[in-house]
Amino acid sequence: MAGLRRYAAEFVGTLLLVFVGAGSAVAARVDGGVAVVAFTFGLTLLVLVYTIGPISGCHVNPAVTLGALVAGRISVIGAIAYWIAQFGGAAVAGLGLWILTRHGGVTDQTGALATNSYGPHINLGGTFLLEIVLTFLLVLVVLVVTSRSEQAGFAGLAIGLALAATNLMAITLDGASINPARSLGPAIFEGGEPLRQLWVFIVAPLVGGLLAAVTAPLLTTTHGRYRRHAESTD
């Protein structure tokens, strides 16, 4: 039962992050601008950390789960279950956005269902580097701040701000993935170029998460509350 609660939390959390975050791009990318979208993503993740963090750790991102797996904070079986829940939640979110824009009367201000892609402002190599570095930042923040018990009350704030910062840089370049699930959900319903380029937004963030897991031990000497929670994940 505890395991099902964790997987359900990851499913719902990822669904909400993608639906609200990418939805803000769909509804306000032009009218609101980059800052509105970036801080919508960041604030959504912030509130999710405090809402489902005590249940699942609030990964809501396959790259974060990979970092936790490499850091020994979650089992292989637990990580696979998290990935299934995360990608499933993102797919449902993508369906919701598709319904809003195709049948709900919502004008898509991104023109592509808030998908991630490269081309006009950044090439493939630049996108790969960008997504690695920005995901590295996010996952590093997650692993470090959740390992320090004295910072437990502020972990959500740091994590949410980290996501907002990465989005502020990347939105105009490649749409800001930093999360393979966030990229998958809209892409499978938009199709076309975003779907063909999807592999970049899956592989690069996972590389960033892996590098963060290798680096995090250099910045902390204890695994703290986050590890104690995650050790129970099976």
Protein backbone atom coordinates (compact mmCIF):
# COMPACT_ATOMS: atom_id res chain seq x y z
CA MET A 1 0.00 0.00 0.00
CA ALA A 2 2.80 2.43 0.86
CA GLY A 3 4.44 1.70 -2.49
CA LEU A 4 1.22 2.38 -4.37
CA ARG A 5 0.85 5.71 -2.56
CA ARG A 6 4.34 6.74 -3.65
CA TYR A 7 3.74 5.77 -7.27
CA ALA A 8 0.36 7.50 -7.27
CA ALA A 9 1.98 10.62 -5.86
CA GLU A 10 4.57 10.61 -8.66
CA PHE A 11 1.86 10.08 -11.27
CA VAL A 12 -0.32 12.91 -9.99
CA GLY A 13 2.61 15.21 -9.28
CA THR A 14 4.11 14.84 -12.75
CA LEU A 15 0.69 15.23 -14.34
CA LEU A 16 0.14 18.52 -12.49
CA LEU A 17 3.65 19.84 -13.14
CA VAL A 18 3.36 19.24 -16.89
CA PHE A 19 -0.26 20.33 -17.22
CA VAL A 20 0.15 23.57 -15.25
CA GLY A 21 3.72 24.37 -16.34
CA ALA A 22 3.40 23.57 -20.03
CA GLY A 23 -0.15 24.87 -19.87
CA SER A 24 1.15 28.27 -18.84
CA ALA A 25 3.26 28.31 -22.01
CA VAL A 26 0.26 27.33 -24.10
CA ALA A 27 -1.93 30.01 -22.52
CA ALA A 28 0.53 32.83 -21.83
CA ARG A 29 3.86 32.39 -23.67
CA VAL A 30 3.17 35.50 -25.78
CA ASP A 31 0.88 37.51 -23.52
CA GLY A 32 2.75 36.75 -20.30
CA GLY A 33 6.27 36.16 -21.56
CA VAL A 34 9.15 33.95 -20.46
CA ALA A 35 9.04 34.99 -16.80
CA VAL A 36 5.41 33.93 -16.39
CA VAL A 37 6.09 30.47 -17.77
CA ALA A 38 9.35 29.99 -15.86
CA PHE A 39 7.90 30.96 -12.52
CA THR A 40 4.76 28.91 -13.12
CA PHE A 41 6.96 25.85 -13.49
CA GLY A 42 9.00 26.82 -10.43
CA LEU A 43 6.03 27.63 -8.21
CA THR A 44 4.21 24.46 -9.23
CA LEU A 45 7.22 22.34 -8.31
CA LEU A 46 7.61 24.27 -5.05
CA VAL A 47 4.07 23.51 -3.88
CA LEU A 48 4.36 19.90 -5.04
CA VAL A 49 7.50 19.39 -2.94
CA TYR A 50 5.57 20.33 0.18
CA THR A 51 2.46 18.41 -0.91
CA ILE A 52 3.80 15.05 -2.07
CA GLY A 53 7.41 15.27 -0.90
CA PRO A 54 6.64 13.46 2.37
CA ILE A 55 5.03 10.66 0.35
CA SER A 56 7.34 10.05 -2.60
CA GLY A 57 10.16 12.57 -2.31
CA CYS A 58 8.53 14.53 -5.16
CA HIS A 59 10.87 13.50 -7.96
CA VAL A 60 8.27 14.18 -10.71
CA ASN A 61 11.20 14.00 -13.14
CA PRO A 62 12.97 10.88 -14.48
CA ALA A 63 16.33 12.68 -14.29
CA VAL A 64 15.85 13.31 -10.57
CA THR A 65 14.91 9.65 -10.09
CA LEU A 66 18.04 8.56 -11.96
CA GLY A 67 20.13 10.82 -9.74
CA ALA A 68 18.50 9.32 -6.67
CA LEU A 69 19.11 5.80 -7.99
CA VAL A 70 22.80 6.42 -8.62
CA ALA A 71 23.09 8.07 -5.21
CA GLY A 72 21.63 4.96 -3.58
CA ARG A 73 18.46 6.68 -2.41
CA ILE A 74 16.01 4.46 -4.27
CA SER A 75 16.05 0.85 -5.44
CA VAL A 76 16.11 -0.19 -9.10
CA ILE A 77 12.57 -1.53 -8.87
CA GLY A 78 11.41 1.65 -7.17
CA ALA A 79 13.07 3.80 -9.85
CA ILE A 80 11.43 1.84 -12.68
CA ALA A 81 8.03 2.21 -11.02
CA TYR A 82 8.65 5.95 -10.59
CA TRP A 83 9.57 6.30 -14.28
CA ILE A 84 6.41 4.51 -15.35
CA ALA A 85 4.32 6.75 -13.10
CA GLN A 86 6.09 9.91 -14.26
CA PHE A 87 5.81 9.22 -17.97
CA GLY A 88 2.21 8.10 -17.51
CA GLY A 89 1.30 11.27 -15.66
CA ALA A 90 3.00 13.41 -18.31
CA ALA A 91 1.12 11.62 -21.09
CA VAL A 92 -2.21 12.32 -19.40
CA ALA A 93 -1.18 15.96 -19.00
CA GLY A 94 -0.29 16.12 -22.70
CA LEU A 95 -3.71 14.72 -23.54
CA GLY A 96 -5.32 17.37 -21.37
CA LEU A 97 -3.43 20.15 -23.14
CA TRP A 98 -4.34 18.68 -26.51
CA ILE A 99 -8.03 18.67 -25.55
CA LEU A 100 -7.84 22.28 -24.36
CA THR A 101 -6.28 23.52 -27.59
CA ARG A 102 -8.16 21.33 -30.06
CA HIS A 103 -11.59 21.20 -28.44
CA GLY A 104 -11.56 23.62 -25.50
CA GLY A 105 -11.26 26.89 -27.37
CA VAL A 106 -7.78 27.68 -25.97
CA THR A 107 -5.38 29.39 -28.37
CA ASP A 108 -1.97 27.73 -28.29
CA GLN A 109 0.47 30.64 -27.96
CA THR A 110 3.45 28.34 -28.55
CA GLY A 111 2.03 26.97 -31.78
CA ALA A 112 3.28 23.51 -30.87
CA LEU A 113 1.59 22.45 -27.62
CA ALA A 114 4.53 23.77 -25.54
CA THR A 115 6.81 21.05 -26.91
CA ASN A 116 10.59 21.15 -26.78
CA SER A 117 12.63 21.45 -29.98
CA TYR A 118 15.81 22.94 -31.39
CA GLY A 119 16.38 24.81 -34.64
CA PRO A 120 15.87 28.58 -34.94
CA HIS A 121 17.83 29.67 -31.86
CA ILE A 122 20.04 26.70 -30.96
CA ASN A 123 21.40 23.65 -32.77
CA LEU A 124 21.51 20.00 -31.73
CA GLY A 125 24.88 20.23 -30.02
CA GLY A 126 23.93 23.38 -28.17
CA THR A 127 20.66 21.83 -27.05
CA PHE A 128 22.42 18.73 -25.76
CA LEU A 129 24.89 20.81 -23.75
CA LEU A 130 22.21 23.18 -22.46
CA GLU A 131 19.93 20.40 -21.24
CA ILE A 132 22.80 18.55 -19.56
CA VAL A 133 24.00 21.61 -17.66
CA LEU A 134 20.59 22.89 -16.60
CA THR A 135 19.38 19.45 -15.51
CA PHE A 136 22.65 18.98 -13.67
CA LEU A 137 21.88 22.18 -11.74
CA LEU A 138 18.33 21.14 -10.84
CA VAL A 139 19.21 17.58 -9.79
CA LEU A 140 22.27 18.75 -7.86
CA VAL A 141 20.12 21.18 -5.89
CA VAL A 142 17.59 18.43 -5.18
CA LEU A 143 20.20 15.95 -3.98
CA VAL A 144 22.15 18.43 -1.87
CA VAL A 145 19.37 20.37 -0.14
CA THR A 146 17.39 17.23 0.65
CA SER A 147 20.45 15.71 2.30
CA ARG A 148 20.72 18.48 4.89
CA SER A 149 18.26 18.15 7.75
CA GLU A 150 18.85 21.74 8.82
CA GLN A 151 17.51 22.91 5.43
CA ALA A 152 14.50 20.61 5.31
CA GLY A 153 12.00 23.43 5.69
CA PHE A 154 13.47 25.37 2.78
CA ALA A 155 14.13 22.52 0.35
CA GLY A 156 10.99 23.19 -1.68
CA LEU A 157 11.89 26.85 -2.10
CA ALA A 158 15.39 26.06 -3.35
CA ILE A 159 14.16 23.37 -5.73
CA GLY A 160 11.36 25.50 -7.13
CA LEU A 161 13.67 28.47 -7.69
CA ALA A 162 16.23 26.22 -9.38
CA LEU A 163 13.61 25.03 -11.87
CA ALA A 164 12.45 28.61 -12.50
CA ALA A 165 16.04 29.73 -13.12
CA THR A 166 16.71 26.95 -15.62
CA ASN A 167 13.50 27.78 -17.46
CA LEU A 168 14.34 31.48 -17.59
CA MET A 169 17.48 30.61 -19.54
CA ALA A 170 16.18 27.85 -21.79
CA ILE A 171 12.60 28.72 -22.75
CA THR A 172 13.53 30.90 -25.71
CA LEU A 173 16.24 28.45 -26.84
CA ASP A 174 14.64 25.00 -26.82
CA GLY A 175 11.47 25.43 -24.78
CA ALA A 176 13.21 24.25 -21.58
CA SER A 177 12.87 20.54 -20.94
CA ILE A 178 15.05 19.77 -17.87
CA ASN A 179 12.69 16.81 -17.50
CA PRO A 180 12.18 13.92 -19.96
CA ALA A 181 8.58 13.44 -18.83
CA ARG A 182 7.78 17.12 -19.38
CA SER A 183 9.02 16.73 -22.98
CA LEU A 184 7.29 13.43 -23.68
CA GLY A 185 3.77 14.41 -22.63
CA PRO A 186 3.14 17.23 -25.13
CA ALA A 187 5.32 15.70 -27.89
CA ILE A 188 3.32 12.51 -28.28
CA PHE A 189 0.19 14.56 -29.00
CA GLU A 190 1.85 17.26 -31.11
CA GLY A 191 3.85 14.81 -33.22
CA GLY A 192 6.01 16.03 -36.10
CA GLU A 193 9.38 17.64 -35.43
CA PRO A 194 9.06 17.73 -31.62
CA LEU A 195 8.44 13.98 -31.56
CA ARG A 196 11.38 13.30 -33.89
CA GLN A 197 13.65 15.40 -31.66
CA LEU A 198 12.30 13.95 -28.43
CA TRP A 199 15.29 11.65 -27.91
CA VAL A 200 17.50 14.66 -27.19
CA PHE A 201 15.22 15.83 -24.41
CA ILE A 202 15.22 12.38 -22.85
CA VAL A 203 18.92 11.52 -23.13
CA ALA A 204 20.48 14.89 -22.27
CA PRO A 205 18.55 15.47 -19.02
CA LEU A 206 19.32 11.91 -17.92
CA VAL A 207 23.03 12.57 -18.50
CA GLY A 208 22.70 15.74 -16.42
CA GLY A 209 21.01 13.82 -13.62
CA LEU A 210 23.73 11.18 -13.69
CA LEU A 211 26.49 13.80 -13.46
CA ALA A 212 24.70 15.51 -10.58
CA ALA A 213 24.54 12.24 -8.64
CA VAL A 214 28.29 11.77 -9.08
CA THR A 215 28.99 15.36 -7.99
CA ALA A 216 26.59 15.64 -5.04
CA PRO A 217 28.73 13.59 -2.59
CA LEU A 218 31.49 16.17 -3.01
CA LEU A 219 29.19 18.82 -1.58
CA THR A 220 27.66 16.92 1.31
CA THR A 221 28.73 14.32 3.84
CA THR A 222 25.34 13.03 4.92
CA HIS A 223 22.24 11.75 3.20
CA GLY A 224 19.84 13.03 5.85
CA ARG A 225 16.10 12.95 5.78
CA TYR A 226 15.74 12.44 2.03
CA ARG A 227 17.72 9.21 2.07
CA ARG A 228 15.89 7.84 5.08
CA HIS A 229 12.60 8.38 3.25
CA ALA A 230 13.80 6.96 -0.06
CA GLU A 231 15.32 3.85 1.45
CA SER A 232 11.79 2.64 2.12
CA THR A 233 10.94 2.91 -1.60
CA ASP A 234 10.76 -0.48 -3.24
